[in-house]
């Protein structure tokens, strides 16, 4: 089964290309123009074992908002295409990830119903020059275009970088679990409705 996608999304604000392989080994090539975002996308690739290429060009002279949001949107589109009809997937995934004093939990459901529960009380407004408010925009864009339900909880943390990194690492691990093929469920849709 070929669970790959290559999506290009162009708007007047950004040009974004995402290529991924859900059954990869964590190989990544990232160039969004937002260094901290590249660092977080690397966490998804490495901990989710997703081969991921992201190239983005955006209106960074204004700020990083459109670029970060549109990368999330395009990644969501790519995951939706790669996951296909969802036959045989585990559907649900979860992960707890610590980094020193910080601990985050992410739970995902390939439900077909976009929904985001976001509970991340960042301890400061920026990480370097990166506005932490952009993280929810990234995940909102992802959720709405991947068609998933996502619960994100930072359970504790003092260092905002650690808080954010645990969220992205846990997301990668949860995505990996939920998208994995389950040999016991081969060819079936994991829903009593028969569709997702």
C-alpha atoms as a PDB file:
ATOM      1  CA  UNK A   1       0.000   0.000   0.000  1.00  0.00           C
ATOM      2  CA  UNK A   2       1.377   3.370  -1.034  1.00  0.00           C
ATOM      3  CA  UNK A   3       0.482   5.851   1.703  1.00  0.00           C
ATOM      4  CA  UNK A   4       2.106   8.952   0.324  1.00  0.00           C
ATOM      5  CA  UNK A   5       0.972  12.393  -0.753  1.00  0.00           C
ATOM      6  CA  UNK A   6       2.446  15.442  -2.442  1.00  0.00           C
ATOM      7  CA  UNK A   7       0.319  18.564  -2.039  1.00  0.00           C
ATOM      8  CA  UNK A   8       0.983  22.105  -3.246  1.00  0.00           C
ATOM      9  CA  UNK A   9      -1.157  24.972  -1.966  1.00  0.00           C
ATOM     10  CA  UNK A  10      -0.719  28.475  -3.365  1.00  0.00           C
ATOM     11  CA  UNK A  11      -2.452  31.601  -2.138  1.00  0.00           C
ATOM     12  CA  UNK A  12      -1.729  35.304  -2.423  1.00  0.00           C
ATOM     13  CA  UNK A  13      -0.028  35.054   0.988  1.00  0.00           C
ATOM     14  CA  UNK A  14       1.900  31.773   0.830  1.00  0.00           C
ATOM     15  CA  UNK A  15       3.165  29.022  -1.405  1.00  0.00           C
ATOM     16  CA  UNK A  16       3.454  25.702   0.413  1.00  0.00           C
ATOM     17  CA  UNK A  17       4.435  22.203  -0.717  1.00  0.00           C
ATOM     18  CA  UNK A  18       4.212  19.174   1.553  1.00  0.00           C
ATOM     19  CA  UNK A  19       5.327  15.692   0.533  1.00  0.00           C
ATOM     20  CA  UNK A  20       5.034  12.830   3.001  1.00  0.00           C
ATOM     21  CA  UNK A  21       5.189   9.089   3.437  1.00  0.00           C
ATOM     22  CA  UNK A  22       3.217   7.819   6.437  1.00  0.00           C
ATOM     23  CA  UNK A  23       5.245   4.598   6.424  1.00  0.00           C
ATOM     24  CA  UNK A  24       8.639   6.266   6.395  1.00  0.00           C
ATOM     25  CA  UNK A  25      11.606   6.331   8.749  1.00  0.00           C
ATOM     26  CA  UNK A  26      11.654   9.971   9.845  1.00  0.00           C
ATOM     27  CA  UNK A  27      13.640  11.440   6.981  1.00  0.00           C
ATOM     28  CA  UNK A  28      12.936  15.146   6.662  1.00  0.00           C
ATOM     29  CA  UNK A  29      13.723  18.121   4.458  1.00  0.00           C
ATOM     30  CA  UNK A  30      12.312  21.334   5.889  1.00  0.00           C
ATOM     31  CA  UNK A  31      12.502  24.925   4.705  1.00  0.00           C
ATOM     32  CA  UNK A  32       9.563  27.075   5.751  1.00  0.00           C
ATOM     33  CA  UNK A  33      11.462  30.283   6.410  1.00  0.00           C
ATOM     34  CA  UNK A  34      10.431  29.972  10.084  1.00  0.00           C
ATOM     35  CA  UNK A  35      13.292  28.214  11.862  1.00  0.00           C
ATOM     36  CA  UNK A  36      11.358  27.272  14.986  1.00  0.00           C
ATOM     37  CA  UNK A  37       8.568  25.778  12.869  1.00  0.00           C
ATOM     38  CA  UNK A  38      11.166  23.700  11.016  1.00  0.00           C
ATOM     39  CA  UNK A  39      12.416  22.469  14.404  1.00  0.00           C
ATOM     40  CA  UNK A  40       8.879  21.445  15.401  1.00  0.00           C
ATOM     41  CA  UNK A  41       8.157  19.750  12.060  1.00  0.00           C
ATOM     42  CA  UNK A  42      11.357  17.778  12.576  1.00  0.00           C
ATOM     43  CA  UNK A  43       9.831  16.432  15.813  1.00  0.00           C
ATOM     44  CA  UNK A  44       6.765  15.206  13.890  1.00  0.00           C
ATOM     45  CA  UNK A  45       8.908  13.457  11.288  1.00  0.00           C
ATOM     46  CA  UNK A  46      11.350  11.832  13.689  1.00  0.00           C
ATOM     47  CA  UNK A  47       8.913  10.759  16.386  1.00  0.00           C
ATOM     48  CA  UNK A  48       6.102   9.905  13.989  1.00  0.00           C
ATOM     49  CA  UNK A  49       8.420   8.024  11.600  1.00  0.00           C
ATOM     50  CA  UNK A  50       6.947  10.059   8.773  1.00  0.00           C
ATOM     51  CA  UNK A  51       9.150  11.002   5.834  1.00  0.00           C
ATOM     52  CA  UNK A  52       8.383  14.683   5.464  1.00  0.00           C
ATOM     53  CA  UNK A  53       9.366  17.402   3.028  1.00  0.00           C
ATOM     54  CA  UNK A  54       7.990  20.894   3.574  1.00  0.00           C
ATOM     55  CA  UNK A  55       8.925  23.922   1.511  1.00  0.00           C
ATOM     56  CA  UNK A  56       7.151  27.205   2.124  1.00  0.00           C
ATOM     57  CA  UNK A  57       7.452  30.789   0.997  1.00  0.00           C
ATOM     58  CA  UNK A  58       5.254  33.345   2.690  1.00  0.00           C
ATOM     59  CA  UNK A  59       4.729  36.962   3.624  1.00  0.00           C
ATOM     60  CA  UNK A  60       7.206  36.846   6.503  1.00  0.00           C
ATOM     61  CA  UNK A  61       7.765  40.604   6.133  1.00  0.00           C
ATOM     62  CA  UNK A  62       4.353  40.910   7.840  1.00  0.00           C
ATOM     63  CA  UNK A  63       4.792  38.081  10.347  1.00  0.00           C
ATOM     64  CA  UNK A  64       4.855  34.279  10.446  1.00  0.00           C
ATOM     65  CA  UNK A  65       1.106  33.789  10.935  1.00  0.00           C
ATOM     66  CA  UNK A  66       0.082  32.959   7.382  1.00  0.00           C
ATOM     67  CA  UNK A  67       3.075  30.696   6.789  1.00  0.00           C
ATOM     68  CA  UNK A  68       2.600  28.672   9.984  1.00  0.00           C
ATOM     69  CA  UNK A  69      -1.154  28.336   9.497  1.00  0.00           C
ATOM     70  CA  UNK A  70      -0.856  27.389   5.831  1.00  0.00           C
ATOM     71  CA  UNK A  71       1.811  24.781   6.541  1.00  0.00           C
ATOM     72  CA  UNK A  72      -0.639  23.234   9.026  1.00  0.00           C
ATOM     73  CA  UNK A  73      -3.409  23.323   6.422  1.00  0.00           C
ATOM     74  CA  UNK A  74      -1.265  21.735   3.726  1.00  0.00           C
ATOM     75  CA  UNK A  75       0.073  19.074   6.092  1.00  0.00           C
ATOM     76  CA  UNK A  76      -3.521  18.220   6.989  1.00  0.00           C
ATOM     77  CA  UNK A  77      -4.431  17.915   3.315  1.00  0.00           C
ATOM     78  CA  UNK A  78      -1.432  15.652   2.725  1.00  0.00           C
ATOM     79  CA  UNK A  79      -2.237  13.381   5.672  1.00  0.00           C
ATOM     80  CA  UNK A  80      -5.872  13.086   4.547  1.00  0.00           C
ATOM     81  CA  UNK A  81      -4.771  12.058   1.071  1.00  0.00           C
ATOM     82  CA  UNK A  82      -2.115   9.627   2.294  1.00  0.00           C
ATOM     83  CA  UNK A  83      -4.409   7.926   4.831  1.00  0.00           C
ATOM     84  CA  UNK A  84      -6.897   7.189   2.040  1.00  0.00           C
ATOM     85  CA  UNK A  85     -10.081   5.289   2.838  1.00  0.00           C
ATOM     86  CA  UNK A  86      -8.830   4.480   6.391  1.00  0.00           C
ATOM     87  CA  UNK A  87      -9.332   0.744   5.961  1.00  0.00           C
ATOM     88  CA  UNK A  88      -7.262  -1.221   8.442  1.00  0.00           C
ATOM     89  CA  UNK A  89      -5.879   1.745  10.391  1.00  0.00           C
ATOM     90  CA  UNK A  90      -5.871   1.817  14.184  1.00  0.00           C
ATOM     91  CA  UNK A  91      -7.824   5.113  14.008  1.00  0.00           C
ATOM     92  CA  UNK A  92      -6.971   6.238  17.554  1.00  0.00           C
ATOM     93  CA  UNK A  93      -3.580   7.301  18.809  1.00  0.00           C
ATOM     94  CA  UNK A  94      -2.233   8.850  21.974  1.00  0.00           C
ATOM     95  CA  UNK A  95       1.088   9.781  23.522  1.00  0.00           C
ATOM     96  CA  UNK A  96       2.521  11.314  26.651  1.00  0.00           C
ATOM     97  CA  UNK A  97       5.910  12.947  26.099  1.00  0.00           C
ATOM     98  CA  UNK A  98       8.139  14.571  28.732  1.00  0.00           C
ATOM     99  CA  UNK A  99      11.024  16.957  28.245  1.00  0.00           C
ATOM    100  CA  UNK A 100      12.682  17.802  31.550  1.00  0.00           C
ATOM    101  CA  UNK A 101       9.985  19.575  33.595  1.00  0.00           C
ATOM    102  CA  UNK A 102       7.407  19.676  30.776  1.00  0.00           C
ATOM    103  CA  UNK A 103       4.858  16.970  29.989  1.00  0.00           C
ATOM    104  CA  UNK A 104       2.249  16.930  27.216  1.00  0.00           C
ATOM    105  CA  UNK A 105      -0.477  14.546  26.132  1.00  0.00           C
ATOM    106  CA  UNK A 106      -1.893  14.350  22.602  1.00  0.00           C
ATOM    107  CA  UNK A 107      -4.823  12.153  21.548  1.00  0.00           C
ATOM    108  CA  UNK A 108      -5.961  11.852  17.924  1.00  0.00           C
ATOM    109  CA  UNK A 109      -8.941  10.222  16.234  1.00  0.00           C
ATOM    110  CA  UNK A 110      -9.218   9.843  12.462  1.00  0.00           C
ATOM    111  CA  UNK A 111     -12.936  10.390  12.897  1.00  0.00           C
ATOM    112  CA  UNK A 112     -13.631  12.397   9.760  1.00  0.00           C
ATOM    113  CA  UNK A 113     -14.939  15.134  12.079  1.00  0.00           C
ATOM    114  CA  UNK A 114     -12.632  18.117  12.585  1.00  0.00           C
ATOM    115  CA  UNK A 115     -12.335  19.091  16.221  1.00  0.00           C
ATOM    116  CA  UNK A 116      -9.599  20.641  18.330  1.00  0.00           C
ATOM    117  CA  UNK A 117      -9.385  20.795  22.112  1.00  0.00           C
ATOM    118  CA  UNK A 118      -6.355  22.950  22.963  1.00  0.00           C
ATOM    119  CA  UNK A 119      -5.147  23.330  26.530  1.00  0.00           C
ATOM    120  CA  UNK A 120      -1.591  24.651  26.415  1.00  0.00           C
ATOM    121  CA  UNK A 121      -0.881  27.399  28.981  1.00  0.00           C
ATOM    122  CA  UNK A 122       2.391  28.705  27.602  1.00  0.00           C
ATOM    123  CA  UNK A 123       4.485  30.439  30.252  1.00  0.00           C
ATOM    124  CA  UNK A 124       5.600  33.179  27.905  1.00  0.00           C
ATOM    125  CA  UNK A 125       4.414  34.784  24.666  1.00  0.00           C
ATOM    126  CA  UNK A 126       7.397  34.058  22.451  1.00  0.00           C
ATOM    127  CA  UNK A 127      10.050  31.407  21.962  1.00  0.00           C
ATOM    128  CA  UNK A 128      12.879  33.430  20.496  1.00  0.00           C
ATOM    129  CA  UNK A 129      11.006  35.404  17.851  1.00  0.00           C
ATOM    130  CA  UNK A 130       8.283  32.748  17.433  1.00  0.00           C
ATOM    131  CA  UNK A 131       4.825  33.803  18.654  1.00  0.00           C
ATOM    132  CA  UNK A 132       3.420  30.862  20.665  1.00  0.00           C
ATOM    133  CA  UNK A 133      -0.130  31.788  19.560  1.00  0.00           C
ATOM    134  CA  UNK A 134       0.805  30.391  16.150  1.00  0.00           C
ATOM    135  CA  UNK A 135       0.934  26.833  17.462  1.00  0.00           C
ATOM    136  CA  UNK A 136      -2.849  26.631  17.836  1.00  0.00           C
ATOM    137  CA  UNK A 137      -3.220  28.125  14.344  1.00  0.00           C
ATOM    138  CA  UNK A 138      -0.968  25.372  12.976  1.00  0.00           C
ATOM    139  CA  UNK A 139      -2.976  22.618  14.643  1.00  0.00           C
ATOM    140  CA  UNK A 140      -6.347  24.199  13.808  1.00  0.00           C
ATOM    141  CA  UNK A 141      -5.339  24.286  10.149  1.00  0.00           C
ATOM    142  CA  UNK A 142      -4.188  20.679  10.352  1.00  0.00           C
ATOM    143  CA  UNK A 143      -7.341  19.414  12.068  1.00  0.00           C
ATOM    144  CA  UNK A 144      -9.725  21.166   9.688  1.00  0.00           C
ATOM    145  CA  UNK A 145      -8.056  19.714   6.602  1.00  0.00           C
ATOM    146  CA  UNK A 146      -7.068  16.267   7.885  1.00  0.00           C
ATOM    147  CA  UNK A 147     -10.568  15.670   9.245  1.00  0.00           C
ATOM    148  CA  UNK A 148      -9.391  14.526  12.665  1.00  0.00           C
ATOM    149  CA  UNK A 149     -10.356  15.123  16.267  1.00  0.00           C
ATOM    150  CA  UNK A 150      -7.323  16.255  18.265  1.00  0.00           C
ATOM    151  CA  UNK A 151      -6.939  16.819  22.000  1.00  0.00           C
ATOM    152  CA  UNK A 152      -3.760  18.611  23.073  1.00  0.00           C
ATOM    153  CA  UNK A 153      -2.936  19.096  26.745  1.00  0.00           C
ATOM    154  CA  UNK A 154       0.254  20.458  28.229  1.00  0.00           C
ATOM    155  CA  UNK A 155       0.012  18.956  31.700  1.00  0.00           C
ATOM    156  CA  UNK A 156       2.950  20.843  33.175  1.00  0.00           C
ATOM    157  CA  UNK A 157       5.913  22.927  32.181  1.00  0.00           C
ATOM    158  CA  UNK A 158       7.880  26.054  32.966  1.00  0.00           C
ATOM    159  CA  UNK A 159      10.038  26.456  29.874  1.00  0.00           C
ATOM    160  CA  UNK A 160       7.878  27.435  26.875  1.00  0.00           C
ATOM    161  CA  UNK A 161      10.276  25.789  24.420  1.00  0.00           C
ATOM    162  CA  UNK A 162       9.944  22.534  26.341  1.00  0.00           C
ATOM    163  CA  UNK A 163       6.165  22.891  26.476  1.00  0.00           C
ATOM    164  CA  UNK A 164       5.931  23.369  22.721  1.00  0.00           C
ATOM    165  CA  UNK A 165       8.407  20.637  21.872  1.00  0.00           C
ATOM    166  CA  UNK A 166       6.575  18.064  23.994  1.00  0.00           C
ATOM    167  CA  UNK A 167       3.352  18.923  22.157  1.00  0.00           C
ATOM    168  CA  UNK A 168       4.899  18.346  18.729  1.00  0.00           C
ATOM    169  CA  UNK A 169       6.713  15.171  19.805  1.00  0.00           C
ATOM    170  CA  UNK A 170       3.542  13.754  21.330  1.00  0.00           C
ATOM    171  CA  UNK A 171       1.603  14.702  18.200  1.00  0.00           C
ATOM    172  CA  UNK A 172       4.104  12.799  16.056  1.00  0.00           C
ATOM    173  CA  UNK A 173       3.842   9.705  18.270  1.00  0.00           C
ATOM    174  CA  UNK A 174       0.020   9.852  18.378  1.00  0.00           C
ATOM    175  CA  UNK A 175      -0.181  10.328  14.604  1.00  0.00           C
ATOM    176  CA  UNK A 176       2.065   7.312  14.115  1.00  0.00           C
ATOM    177  CA  UNK A 177      -0.090   5.123  16.380  1.00  0.00           C
ATOM    178  CA  UNK A 178      -3.409   6.178  14.846  1.00  0.00           C
ATOM    179  CA  UNK A 179      -2.289   5.836  11.228  1.00  0.00           C
ATOM    180  CA  UNK A 180      -0.592   2.457  11.691  1.00  0.00           C
ATOM    181  CA  UNK A 181      -2.121  -0.475   9.876  1.00  0.00           C
ATOM    182  CA  UNK A 182      -3.567  -3.105  12.204  1.00  0.00           C
ATOM    183  CA  UNK A 183      -3.176  -6.625  10.794  1.00  0.00           C
ATOM    184  CA  UNK A 184      -6.180  -7.808  12.815  1.00  0.00           C
ATOM    185  CA  UNK A 185      -8.382  -5.154  11.179  1.00  0.00           C
ATOM    186  CA  UNK A 186      -7.108  -5.571   7.619  1.00  0.00           C
ATOM    187  CA  UNK A 187      -9.533  -4.217   5.059  1.00  0.00           C
ATOM    188  CA  UNK A 188     -12.109  -3.031   7.578  1.00  0.00           C
ATOM    189  CA  UNK A 189     -13.202   0.456   8.533  1.00  0.00           C
ATOM    190  CA  UNK A 190     -12.749   1.021  12.298  1.00  0.00           C
ATOM    191  CA  UNK A 191     -16.277   2.330  12.871  1.00  0.00           C
ATOM    192  CA  UNK A 192     -19.684   0.807  13.575  1.00  0.00           C
ATOM    193  CA  UNK A 193     -21.041   3.167  10.899  1.00  0.00           C
ATOM    194  CA  UNK A 194     -18.885   1.487   8.247  1.00  0.00           C
ATOM    195  CA  UNK A 195     -17.326   4.778   7.180  1.00  0.00           C
ATOM    196  CA  UNK A 196     -15.151   7.540   8.559  1.00  0.00           C
END
